[in-house]
N, C-alpha and C. Protein backbone atom coordinates (compact mmCIF):
# COMPACT_ATOMS: atom_id res chain seq x y z
N UNK A 1 -121.52 -8.98 15.41
CA UNK A 1 -121.63 -7.96 14.93
C UNK A 1 -121.48 -7.22 13.94
N UNK A 2 -121.63 -6.20 13.88
CA UNK A 2 -121.63 -5.24 12.38
C UNK A 2 -120.34 -4.65 11.84
N UNK A 3 -120.41 -4.57 10.71
CA UNK A 3 -119.51 -4.16 9.80
C UNK A 3 -118.61 -2.94 10.30
N UNK A 4 -119.50 -2.53 10.57
CA UNK A 4 -119.26 -1.09 11.29
C UNK A 4 -118.71 -0.82 12.56
N UNK A 5 -118.93 -1.58 13.76
CA UNK A 5 -118.39 -2.13 14.81
C UNK A 5 -117.24 -2.68 14.62
N UNK A 6 -116.91 -3.32 13.92
CA UNK A 6 -115.74 -3.90 13.82
C UNK A 6 -114.47 -2.94 13.04
N UNK A 7 -115.07 -2.04 11.87
CA UNK A 7 -114.18 -0.91 11.26
C UNK A 7 -113.56 -0.31 12.93
N UNK A 8 -114.75 0.11 13.38
CA UNK A 8 -114.22 1.36 14.12
C UNK A 8 -113.53 0.21 15.25
N UNK A 9 -113.57 -0.46 15.83
CA UNK A 9 -112.67 -1.51 16.57
C UNK A 9 -111.46 -1.74 16.24
N UNK A 10 -111.35 -2.09 14.85
CA UNK A 10 -109.93 -2.06 14.33
C UNK A 10 -109.00 -0.54 14.19
N UNK A 11 -109.68 0.76 13.97
CA UNK A 11 -108.85 1.87 13.88
C UNK A 11 -108.79 2.10 15.59
N UNK A 12 -109.33 1.79 15.93
CA UNK A 12 -108.94 2.28 17.46
C UNK A 12 -107.50 1.01 17.83
N UNK A 13 -107.36 -0.21 17.72
CA UNK A 13 -106.71 -0.88 18.40
C UNK A 13 -106.25 -1.97 16.81
N UNK A 14 -105.41 -0.73 16.32
CA UNK A 14 -104.81 -1.59 14.87
C UNK A 14 -103.82 -3.24 14.97
N UNK A 15 -103.51 -3.36 16.07
CA UNK A 15 -102.67 -4.63 16.59
C UNK A 15 -103.77 -5.65 16.26
N UNK A 16 -104.74 -5.29 16.74
CA UNK A 16 -106.15 -6.62 16.92
C UNK A 16 -107.02 -6.60 15.31
N UNK A 17 -106.50 -5.60 14.53
CA UNK A 17 -107.84 -5.37 13.51
C UNK A 17 -108.13 -6.75 12.54
N UNK A 18 -107.46 -7.94 12.66
CA UNK A 18 -107.56 -9.47 11.93
C UNK A 18 -108.54 -10.08 13.30
N UNK A 19 -108.58 -9.54 14.59
CA UNK A 19 -109.40 -10.43 15.45
C UNK A 19 -110.73 -10.42 15.23
N UNK A 20 -111.79 -11.36 15.20
CA UNK A 20 -113.34 -11.08 15.25
C UNK A 20 -113.73 -11.36 16.66
N UNK A 21 -114.71 -10.20 16.77
CA UNK A 21 -115.14 -10.19 18.41
C UNK A 21 -116.23 -10.65 18.42
N UNK A 22 -116.64 -11.16 19.40
CA UNK A 22 -118.57 -11.49 19.52
C UNK A 22 -119.18 -10.75 20.33
N UNK A 23 -120.44 -11.39 19.90
CA UNK A 23 -121.38 -9.99 20.72
C UNK A 23 -121.14 -9.73 22.38
N UNK A 24 -120.63 -11.50 22.75
CA UNK A 24 -120.82 -11.58 24.00
C UNK A 24 -119.78 -10.43 24.58
N UNK A 25 -118.56 -10.72 24.16
CA UNK A 25 -117.03 -10.08 24.41
C UNK A 25 -117.38 -8.55 24.33
N UNK A 26 -118.34 -8.19 23.55
CA UNK A 26 -118.25 -6.64 23.47
C UNK A 26 -119.92 -6.11 24.58
N UNK A 27 -120.79 -6.96 24.12
CA UNK A 27 -121.82 -6.13 25.16
C UNK A 27 -122.08 -7.22 26.67
N UNK A 28 -121.45 -7.87 27.04
CA UNK A 28 -121.64 -8.97 28.04
C UNK A 28 -122.61 -10.07 27.63
N UNK A 29 -123.60 -10.19 26.79
CA UNK A 29 -124.35 -11.04 27.01
C UNK A 29 -124.63 -11.47 25.49
N UNK A 30 -125.01 -12.63 25.30
CA UNK A 30 -125.17 -13.37 24.02
C UNK A 30 -125.94 -12.13 22.77
N UNK A 31 -126.09 -12.29 21.35
CA UNK A 31 -126.84 -11.63 20.93
C UNK A 31 -128.44 -12.59 20.79
N UNK A 32 -129.02 -11.42 20.52
CA UNK A 32 -130.45 -11.43 20.82
C UNK A 32 -130.94 -11.65 19.18
N UNK A 33 -132.13 -12.16 18.98
CA UNK A 33 -132.77 -12.06 17.58
C UNK A 33 -133.56 -10.66 17.25
N UNK A 34 -134.12 -10.40 16.31
CA UNK A 34 -134.67 -9.38 15.76
C UNK A 34 -136.16 -9.58 16.51
N UNK A 35 -136.84 -10.98 16.16
CA UNK A 35 -137.90 -10.94 17.10
C UNK A 35 -138.20 -10.86 18.54
N UNK A 36 -137.11 -11.37 19.12
CA UNK A 36 -136.77 -11.18 20.48
C UNK A 36 -137.17 -9.68 21.32
N UNK A 37 -135.88 -9.02 20.31
CA UNK A 37 -136.07 -7.23 20.54
C UNK A 37 -137.38 -6.84 20.15
N UNK A 38 -137.85 -6.91 19.12
CA UNK A 38 -139.19 -6.57 18.73
C UNK A 38 -140.33 -7.14 19.76
N UNK A 39 -140.43 -8.39 20.17
CA UNK A 39 -141.25 -8.39 21.02
C UNK A 39 -140.99 -7.44 22.47
N UNK A 40 -140.24 -7.77 22.64
CA UNK A 40 -139.44 -6.99 24.47
C UNK A 40 -139.71 -5.46 23.86
N UNK A 41 -139.76 -4.98 22.73
CA UNK A 41 -139.82 -3.24 22.49
C UNK A 41 -141.14 -2.78 21.25
N UNK A 42 -142.20 -3.64 21.36
CA UNK A 42 -143.43 -3.31 20.78
C UNK A 42 -144.44 -2.55 21.48
N UNK A 43 -144.42 -1.88 23.00
CA UNK A 43 -145.02 -0.98 23.27
C UNK A 43 -144.66 0.18 23.03
N UNK A 44 -143.04 0.52 22.84
CA UNK A 44 -142.37 1.63 22.40
C UNK A 44 -143.10 2.08 21.03
N UNK A 45 -143.64 1.02 20.33
CA UNK A 45 -143.88 1.56 19.06
C UNK A 45 -145.64 1.96 18.92
N UNK A 46 -145.90 1.76 19.98
CA UNK A 46 -147.44 1.87 19.87
C UNK A 46 -147.91 3.63 20.11
């Protein structure tokens, strides 16, 4: 998770500000690598 997302979450939920949140908890699926994302979106940049 990005630092910005963590900061935004902690501002909205001060009681949970020390808690680390996984990508799965936020998005519902595991984080993908940049390589996988780039392969899936290559056509968008052509």
